[in-house]
Amino acid sequence: MPPKTVSSRQFNQDSSGAKKAANDGPVFITDRGEPSHVLLSIAEYHRLVGEGGKIIDLLAMSAADDSDLQVPRLGSVSKPVDLD
């Protein structure tokens, strides 16, 4: 199914129709004939950007236990302050 295109005016007059159409695929919204925005369903958005999550959640995943990553110790990174 080809993507649906609606003008800004059409979108303002029938936003619920545009939201229903977004369930079938992206809806391009135009300003003066040029595409300016894209309306997606939340499911499609999540599919595109992935389920990123927080870094702490990603590190806690069991698959992370299979990693052979070795992180070297840096030692002391502080320096004495000269107040003279």
PDB file of N, CA and C in Angstrom:
ATOM      1  N   MET A   1       0.856  -1.174   0.000  1.00  0.00           N
ATOM      2  CA  MET A   1       0.000   0.000   0.000  1.00  0.00           C
ATOM      3  C   MET A   1       0.902   1.237   0.000  1.00  0.00           C
ATOM      4  N   PRO A   2       0.688   2.170  -0.930  1.00  0.00           N
ATOM      5  CA  PRO A   2       1.525   3.378  -0.973  1.00  0.00           C
ATOM      6  C   PRO A   2       1.244   4.271   0.230  1.00  0.00           C
ATOM      7  N   PRO A   3       2.244   5.047   0.649  1.00  0.00           N
ATOM      8  CA  PRO A   3       2.026   5.932   1.801  1.00  0.00           C
ATOM      9  C   PRO A   3       0.937   6.961   1.502  1.00  0.00           C
ATOM     10  N   LYS A   4       0.208   7.319   2.521  1.00  0.00           N
ATOM     11  CA  LYS A   4      -0.853   8.318   2.377  1.00  0.00           C
ATOM     12  C   LYS A   4      -0.257   9.702   2.583  1.00  0.00           C
ATOM     13  N   THR A   5      -0.744  10.668   1.820  1.00  0.00           N
ATOM     14  CA  THR A   5      -0.309  12.055   1.939  1.00  0.00           C
ATOM     15  C   THR A   5      -1.523  12.929   2.170  1.00  0.00           C
ATOM     16  N   VAL A   6      -1.428  13.812   3.166  1.00  0.00           N
ATOM     17  CA  VAL A   6      -2.501  14.760   3.438  1.00  0.00           C
ATOM     18  C   VAL A   6      -1.887  16.141   3.616  1.00  0.00           C
ATOM     19  N   SER A   7      -2.649  17.160   3.261  1.00  0.00           N
ATOM     20  CA  SER A   7      -2.183  18.529   3.473  1.00  0.00           C
ATOM     21  C   SER A   7      -2.361  18.897   4.950  1.00  0.00           C
ATOM     22  N   SER A   8      -1.688  19.938   5.369  1.00  0.00           N
ATOM     23  CA  SER A   8      -1.844  20.411   6.752  1.00  0.00           C
ATOM     24  C   SER A   8      -3.293  20.752   7.042  1.00  0.00           C
ATOM     25  N   ARG A   9      -3.955  21.341   6.078  1.00  0.00           N
ATOM     26  CA  ARG A   9      -5.364  21.711   6.250  1.00  0.00           C
ATOM     27  C   ARG A   9      -6.215  20.459   6.447  1.00  0.00           C
ATOM     28  N   GLN A  10      -6.005  19.445   5.599  1.00  0.00           N
ATOM     29  CA  GLN A  10      -6.754  18.199   5.748  1.00  0.00           C
ATOM     30  C   GLN A  10      -6.479  17.557   7.108  1.00  0.00           C
ATOM     31  N   PHE A  11      -5.214  17.589   7.520  1.00  0.00           N
ATOM     32  CA  PHE A  11      -4.858  17.013   8.809  1.00  0.00           C
ATOM     33  C   PHE A  11      -5.573  17.738   9.944  1.00  0.00           C
ATOM     34  N   ASN A  12      -5.596  19.067   9.897  1.00  0.00           N
ATOM     35  CA  ASN A  12      -6.278  19.849  10.936  1.00  0.00           C
ATOM     36  C   ASN A  12      -7.768  19.567  10.974  1.00  0.00           C
ATOM     37  N   GLN A  13      -8.364  19.317   9.814  1.00  0.00           N
ATOM     38  CA  GLN A  13      -9.802  19.074   9.750  1.00  0.00           C
ATOM     39  C   GLN A  13     -10.176  17.641  10.124  1.00  0.00           C
ATOM     40  N   ASP A  14      -9.263  16.689   9.911  1.00  0.00           N
ATOM     41  CA  ASP A  14      -9.585  15.286  10.183  1.00  0.00           C
ATOM     42  C   ASP A  14      -8.370  14.558  10.749  1.00  0.00           C
ATOM     43  N   SER A  15      -7.924  14.980  11.924  1.00  0.00           N
ATOM     44  CA  SER A  15      -6.754  14.331  12.525  1.00  0.00           C
ATOM     45  C   SER A  15      -7.048  12.881  12.903  1.00  0.00           C
ATOM     46  N   SER A  16      -8.287  12.586  13.288  1.00  0.00           N
ATOM     47  CA  SER A  16      -8.603  11.197  13.650  1.00  0.00           C
ATOM     48  C   SER A  16      -8.519  10.289  12.422  1.00  0.00           C
ATOM     49  N   GLY A  17      -8.889  10.796  11.255  1.00  0.00           N
ATOM     50  CA  GLY A  17      -8.757  10.011  10.024  1.00  0.00           C
ATOM     51  C   GLY A  17      -7.299   9.748   9.696  1.00  0.00           C
ATOM     52  N   ALA A  18      -6.438  10.744   9.932  1.00  0.00           N
ATOM     53  CA  ALA A  18      -5.004  10.582   9.687  1.00  0.00           C
ATOM     54  C   ALA A  18      -4.424   9.558  10.655  1.00  0.00           C
ATOM     55  N   LYS A  19      -4.875   9.585  11.919  1.00  0.00           N
ATOM     56  CA  LYS A  19      -4.383   8.613  12.900  1.00  0.00           C
ATOM     57  C   LYS A  19      -4.799   7.199  12.508  1.00  0.00           C
ATOM     58  N   LYS A  20      -6.013   7.041  12.019  1.00  0.00           N
ATOM     59  CA  LYS A  20      -6.463   5.714  11.569  1.00  0.00           C
ATOM     60  C   LYS A  20      -5.637   5.251  10.378  1.00  0.00           C
ATOM     61  N   ALA A  21      -5.350   6.168   9.458  1.00  0.00           N
ATOM     62  CA  ALA A  21      -4.546   5.822   8.283  1.00  0.00           C
ATOM     63  C   ALA A  21      -3.126   5.440   8.688  1.00  0.00           C
ATOM     64  N   ALA A  22      -2.598   6.030   9.768  1.00  0.00           N
ATOM     65  CA  ALA A  22      -1.243   5.729  10.227  1.00  0.00           C
ATOM     66  C   ALA A  22      -1.118   4.304  10.752  1.00  0.00           C
ATOM     67  N   ASN A  23      -2.237   3.663  11.068  1.00  0.00           N
ATOM     68  CA  ASN A  23      -2.188   2.262  11.483  1.00  0.00           C
ATOM     69  C   ASN A  23      -1.817   1.346  10.324  1.00  0.00           C
ATOM     70  N   ASP A  24      -2.023   1.816   9.085  1.00  0.00           N
ATOM     71  CA  ASP A  24      -1.695   1.029   7.890  1.00  0.00           C
ATOM     72  C   ASP A  24      -0.352   1.397   7.296  1.00  0.00           C
ATOM     73  N   GLY A  25       0.259   2.471   7.776  1.00  0.00           N
ATOM     74  CA  GLY A  25       1.556   2.905   7.252  1.00  0.00           C
ATOM     75  C   GLY A  25       1.749   4.379   7.515  1.00  0.00           C
ATOM     76  N   PRO A  26       2.897   4.931   7.130  1.00  0.00           N
ATOM     77  CA  PRO A  26       3.176   6.342   7.411  1.00  0.00           C
ATOM     78  C   PRO A  26       2.220   7.271   6.663  1.00  0.00           C
ATOM     79  N   VAL A  27       1.905   8.380   7.308  1.00  0.00           N
ATOM     80  CA  VAL A  27       1.078   9.419   6.695  1.00  0.00           C
ATOM     81  C   VAL A  27       1.943  10.669   6.578  1.00  0.00           C
ATOM     82  N   PHE A  28       2.184  11.106   5.346  1.00  0.00           N
ATOM     83  CA  PHE A  28       2.986  12.302   5.107  1.00  0.00           C
ATOM     84  C   PHE A  28       2.086  13.519   5.137  1.00  0.00           C
ATOM     85  N   ILE A  29       2.480  14.520   5.901  1.00  0.00           N
ATOM     86  CA  ILE A  29       1.719  15.765   6.018  1.00  0.00           C
ATOM     87  C   ILE A  29       2.506  16.834   5.290  1.00  0.00           C
ATOM     88  N   THR A  30       1.829  17.537   4.394  1.00  0.00           N
ATOM     89  CA  THR A  30       2.514  18.523   3.560  1.00  0.00           C
ATOM     90  C   THR A  30       2.154  19.951   3.957  1.00  0.00           C
ATOM     91  N   ASP A  31       3.101  20.851   3.757  1.00  0.00           N
ATOM     92  CA  ASP A  31       2.885  22.294   3.859  1.00  0.00           C
ATOM     93  C   ASP A  31       3.225  22.883   2.501  1.00  0.00           C
ATOM     94  N   ARG A  32       2.247  23.506   1.883  1.00  0.00           N
ATOM     95  CA  ARG A  32       2.425  24.100   0.557  1.00  0.00           C
ATOM     96  C   ARG A  32       2.951  23.084  -0.452  1.00  0.00           C
ATOM     97  N   GLY A  33       2.456  21.861  -0.348  1.00  0.00           N
ATOM     98  CA  GLY A  33       2.802  20.821  -1.307  1.00  0.00           C
ATOM     99  C   GLY A  33       4.096  20.076  -1.021  1.00  0.00           C
ATOM    100  N   GLU A  34       4.843  20.496  -0.017  1.00  0.00           N
ATOM    101  CA  GLU A  34       6.107  19.853   0.330  1.00  0.00           C
ATOM    102  C   GLU A  34       5.941  19.048   1.621  1.00  0.00           C
ATOM    103  N   PRO A  35       6.441  17.806   1.663  1.00  0.00           N
ATOM    104  CA  PRO A  35       6.348  17.025   2.905  1.00  0.00           C
ATOM    105  C   PRO A  35       7.055  17.742   4.051  1.00  0.00           C
ATOM    106  N   SER A  36       6.366  17.843   5.185  1.00  0.00           N
ATOM    107  CA  SER A  36       6.950  18.532   6.340  1.00  0.00           C
ATOM    108  C   SER A  36       6.961  17.667   7.598  1.00  0.00           C
ATOM    109  N   HIS A  37       6.047  16.700   7.689  1.00  0.00           N
ATOM    110  CA  HIS A  37       5.955  15.835   8.865  1.00  0.00           C
ATOM    111  C   HIS A  37       5.514  14.441   8.433  1.00  0.00           C
ATOM    112  N   VAL A  38       5.770  13.473   9.299  1.00  0.00           N
ATOM    113  CA  VAL A  38       5.309  12.108   9.070  1.00  0.00           C
ATOM    114  C   VAL A  38       4.617  11.630  10.337  1.00  0.00           C
ATOM    115  N   LEU A  39       3.438  11.089  10.181  1.00  0.00           N
ATOM    116  CA  LEU A  39       2.685  10.536  11.300  1.00  0.00           C
ATOM    117  C   LEU A  39       2.814   9.019  11.257  1.00  0.00           C
ATOM    118  N   LEU A  40       3.263   8.442  12.385  1.00  0.00           N
ATOM    119  CA  LEU A  40       3.438   6.994  12.495  1.00  0.00           C
ATOM    120  C   LEU A  40       2.656   6.485  13.691  1.00  0.00           C
ATOM    121  N   SER A  41       2.272   5.216  13.626  1.00  0.00           N
ATOM    122  CA  SER A  41       1.706   4.592  14.820  1.00  0.00           C
ATOM    123  C   SER A  41       2.848   4.394  15.807  1.00  0.00           C
ATOM    124  N   ILE A  42       2.530   4.272  17.073  1.00  0.00           N
ATOM    125  CA  ILE A  42       3.557   4.090  18.090  1.00  0.00           C
ATOM    126  C   ILE A  42       4.276   2.759  17.883  1.00  0.00           C
ATOM    127  N   ALA A  43       3.563   1.753  17.409  1.00  0.00           N
ATOM    128  CA  ALA A  43       4.189   0.454  17.143  1.00  0.00           C
ATOM    129  C   ALA A  43       5.235   0.582  16.039  1.00  0.00           C
ATOM    130  N   GLU A  44       4.921   1.314  14.991  1.00  0.00           N
ATOM    131  CA  GLU A  44       5.873   1.516  13.895  1.00  0.00           C
ATOM    132  C   GLU A  44       7.063   2.346  14.367  1.00  0.00           C
ATOM    133  N   TYR A  45       6.811   3.352  15.181  1.00  0.00           N
ATOM    134  CA  TYR A  45       7.895   4.164  15.727  1.00  0.00           C
ATOM    135  C   TYR A  45       8.870   3.300  16.526  1.00  0.00           C
ATOM    136  N   HIS A  46       8.332   2.459  17.418  1.00  0.00           N
ATOM    137  CA  HIS A  46       9.182   1.584  18.228  1.00  0.00           C
ATOM    138  C   HIS A  46       9.943   0.591  17.348  1.00  0.00           C
ATOM    139  N   ARG A  47       9.312   0.121  16.286  1.00  0.00           N
ATOM    140  CA  ARG A  47       9.997  -0.799  15.377  1.00  0.00           C
ATOM    141  C   ARG A  47      11.185  -0.104  14.715  1.00  0.00           C
ATOM    142  N   LEU A  48      11.007   1.165  14.349  1.00  0.00           N
ATOM    143  CA  LEU A  48      12.073   1.904  13.671  1.00  0.00           C
ATOM    144  C   LEU A  48      13.229   2.262  14.594  1.00  0.00           C
ATOM    145  N   VAL A  49      12.926   2.716  15.803  1.00  0.00           N
ATOM    146  CA  VAL A  49      13.992   3.164  16.702  1.00  0.00           C
ATOM    147  C   VAL A  49      14.482   2.057  17.617  1.00  0.00           C
ATOM    148  N   GLY A  50      13.775   0.950  17.651  1.00  0.00           N
ATOM    149  CA  GLY A  50      14.186  -0.144  18.520  1.00  0.00           C
ATOM    150  C   GLY A  50      13.757   0.128  19.945  1.00  0.00           C
ATOM    151  N   GLU A  51      14.010  -0.824  20.766  1.00  0.00           N
ATOM    152  CA  GLU A  51      13.647  -0.714  22.178  1.00  0.00           C
ATOM    153  C   GLU A  51      14.901  -0.378  22.969  1.00  0.00           C
ATOM    154  N   GLY A  52      15.517   0.768  22.695  1.00  0.00           N
ATOM    155  CA  GLY A  52      16.779   1.181  23.270  1.00  0.00           C
ATOM    156  C   GLY A  52      16.931   0.929  24.750  1.00  0.00           C
ATOM    157  N   GLY A  53      16.065   1.433  25.554  1.00  0.00           N
ATOM    158  CA  GLY A  53      16.164   1.241  26.989  1.00  0.00           C
ATOM    159  C   GLY A  53      17.294   2.049  27.608  1.00  0.00           C
ATOM    160  N   LYS A  54      17.407   1.947  28.897  1.00  0.00           N
ATOM    161  CA  LYS A  54      18.454   2.648  29.625  1.00  0.00           C
ATOM    162  C   LYS A  54      19.724   1.813  29.608  1.00  0.00           C
ATOM    163  N   ILE A  55      20.865   2.458  29.678  1.00  0.00           N
ATOM    164  CA  ILE A  55      22.142   1.757  29.619  1.00  0.00           C
ATOM    165  C   ILE A  55      22.281   0.751  30.756  1.00  0.00           C
ATOM    166  N   ILE A  56      21.766   1.089  31.933  1.00  0.00           N
ATOM    167  CA  ILE A  56      21.872   0.167  33.060  1.00  0.00           C
ATOM    168  C   ILE A  56      21.065  -1.098  32.792  1.00  0.00           C
ATOM    169  N   ASP A  57      19.908  -0.962  32.128  1.00  0.00           N
ATOM    170  CA  ASP A  57      19.107  -2.129  31.784  1.00  0.00           C
ATOM    171  C   ASP A  57      19.818  -2.991  30.749  1.00  0.00           C
ATOM    172  N   LEU A  58      20.472  -2.352  29.782  1.00  0.00           N
ATOM    173  CA  LEU A  58      21.184  -3.094  28.756  1.00  0.00           C
ATOM    174  C   LEU A  58      22.381  -3.840  29.339  1.00  0.00           C
ATOM    175  N   LEU A  59      23.070  -3.212  30.285  1.00  0.00           N
ATOM    176  CA  LEU A  59      24.216  -3.860  30.916  1.00  0.00           C
ATOM    177  C   LEU A  59      23.793  -5.017  31.809  1.00  0.00           C
ATOM    178  N   ALA A  60      22.598  -4.942  32.363  1.00  0.00           N
ATOM    179  CA  ALA A  60      22.109  -5.981  33.260  1.00  0.00           C
ATOM    180  C   ALA A  60      21.543  -7.186  32.518  1.00  0.00           C
ATOM    181  N   MET A  61      21.432  -7.088  31.208  1.00  0.00           N
ATOM    182  CA  MET A  61      20.874  -8.190  30.432  1.00  0.00           C
ATOM    183  C   MET A  61      21.774  -9.410  30.540  1.00  0.00           C
ATOM    184  N   SER A  62      21.191 -10.603  30.548  1.00  0.00           N
ATOM    185  CA  SER A  62      21.970 -11.829  30.698  1.00  0.00           C
ATOM    186  C   SER A  62      22.927 -12.034  29.537  1.00  0.00           C
ATOM    187  N   ALA A  63      22.618 -11.553  28.346  1.00  0.00           N
ATOM    188  CA  ALA A  63      23.513 -11.701  27.199  1.00  0.00           C
ATOM    189  C   ALA A  63      24.825 -10.970  27.431  1.00  0.00           C
ATOM    190  N   ALA A  64      24.818  -9.949  28.286  1.00  0.00           N
ATOM    191  CA  ALA A  64      26.040  -9.207  28.571  1.00  0.00           C
ATOM    192  C   ALA A  64      27.042 -10.065  29.329  1.00  0.00           C
ATOM    193  N   ASP A  65      26.575 -11.113  30.002  1.00  0.00           N
ATOM    194  CA  ASP A  65      27.472 -11.998  30.740  1.00  0.00           C
ATOM    195  C   ASP A  65      28.383 -12.798  29.809  1.00  0.00           C
ATOM    196  N   ASP A  66      28.014 -12.938  28.559  1.00  0.00           N
ATOM    197  CA  ASP A  66      28.792 -13.699  27.594  1.00  0.00           C
ATOM    198  C   ASP A  66      29.940 -12.891  27.006  1.00  0.00           C
ATOM    199  N   SER A  67      30.063 -11.647  27.373  1.00  0.00           N
ATOM    200  CA  SER A  67      31.074 -10.769  26.806  1.00  0.00           C
ATOM    201  C   SER A  67      32.451 -11.059  27.379  1.00  0.00           C
ATOM    202  N   ASP A  68      33.488 -10.932  26.539  1.00  0.00           N
ATOM    203  CA  ASP A  68      34.870 -11.097  26.964  1.00  0.00           C
ATOM    204  C   ASP A  68      35.557  -9.755  27.149  1.00  0.00           C
ATOM    205  N   LEU A  69      34.803  -8.713  27.364  1.00  0.00           N
ATOM    206  CA  LEU A  69      35.351  -7.364  27.494  1.00  0.00           C
ATOM    207  C   LEU A  69      36.215  -7.270  28.749  1.00  0.00           C
ATOM    208  N   GLN A  70      37.453  -6.814  28.575  1.00  0.00           N
ATOM    209  CA  GLN A  70      38.372  -6.595  29.677  1.00  0.00           C
ATOM    210  C   GLN A  70      38.611  -5.094  29.793  1.00  0.00           C
ATOM    211  N   VAL A  71      38.246  -4.513  30.915  1.00  0.00           N
ATOM    212  CA  VAL A  71      38.404  -3.070  31.123  1.00  0.00           C
ATOM    213  C   VAL A  71      39.595  -2.851  32.041  1.00  0.00           C
ATOM    214  N   PRO A  72      40.664  -2.197  31.548  1.00  0.00           N
ATOM    215  CA  PRO A  72      41.847  -1.984  32.382  1.00  0.00           C
ATOM    216  C   PRO A  72      41.578  -0.920  33.447  1.00  0.00           C
ATOM    217  N   ARG A  73      42.239  -1.048  34.590  1.00  0.00           N
ATOM    218  CA  ARG A  73      42.139  -0.055  35.661  1.00  0.00           C
ATOM    219  C   ARG A  73      42.947   1.166  35.269  1.00  0.00           C
ATOM    220  N   LEU A  74      42.426   2.335  35.552  1.00  0.00           N
ATOM    221  CA  LEU A  74      43.118   3.571  35.218  1.00  0.00           C
ATOM    222  C   LEU A  74      44.084   4.019  36.297  1.00  0.00           C
ATOM    223  N   GLY A  75      43.914   3.572  37.514  1.00  0.00           N
ATOM    224  CA  GLY A  75      44.750   4.043  38.611  1.00  0.00           C
ATOM    225  C   GLY A  75      44.250   5.402  39.072  1.00  0.00           C
ATOM    226  N   SER A  76      45.130   6.158  39.673  1.00  0.00           N
ATOM    227  CA  SER A  76      44.750   7.463  40.198  1.00  0.00           C
ATOM    228  C   SER A  76      44.679   8.478  39.061  1.00  0.00           C
ATOM    229  N   VAL A  77      43.579   9.190  38.988  1.00  0.00           N
ATOM    230  CA  VAL A  77      43.425  10.216  37.955  1.00  0.00           C
ATOM    231  C   VAL A  77      43.440  11.616  38.553  1.00  0.00           C
ATOM    232  N   SER A  78      43.578  11.708  39.895  1.00  0.00           N
ATOM    233  CA  SER A  78      43.596  13.024  40.525  1.00  0.00           C
ATOM    234  C   SER A  78      45.021  13.565  40.557  1.00  0.00           C
ATOM    235  N   LYS A  79      45.128  14.862  40.569  1.00  0.00           N
ATOM    236  CA  LYS A  79      46.438  15.527  40.638  1.00  0.00           C
ATOM    237  C   LYS A  79      46.444  16.470  41.842  1.00  0.00           C
ATOM    238  N   PRO A  80      47.599  16.632  42.500  1.00  0.00           N
ATOM    239  CA  PRO A  80      47.657  17.567  43.609  1.00  0.00           C
ATOM    240  C   PRO A  80      47.439  18.999  43.113  1.00  0.00           C
ATOM    241  N   VAL A  81      46.819  19.803  43.939  1.00  0.00           N
ATOM    242  CA  VAL A  81      46.528  21.183  43.595  1.00  0.00           C
ATOM    243  C   VAL A  81      47.620  22.083  44.169  1.00  0.00           C
ATOM    244  N   ASP A  82      48.157  22.968  43.328  1.00  0.00           N
ATOM    245  CA  ASP A  82      49.166  23.936  43.764  1.00  0.00           C
ATOM    246  C   ASP A  82      48.447  25.214  44.115  1.00  0.00           C
ATOM    247  N   LEU A  83      48.414  25.574  45.405  1.00  0.00           N
ATOM    248  CA  LEU A  83      47.682  26.762  45.855  1.00  0.00           C
ATOM    249  C   LEU A  83      48.595  27.981  46.044  1.00  0.00           C
ATOM    250  N   ASP A  84      49.859  27.908  45.634  1.00  0.00           N
ATOM    251  CA  ASP A  84      50.789  29.038  45.785  1.00  0.00           C
ATOM    252  C   ASP A  84      50.597  30.056  44.700  1.00  0.00           C
TER     253      ASP A  84
END
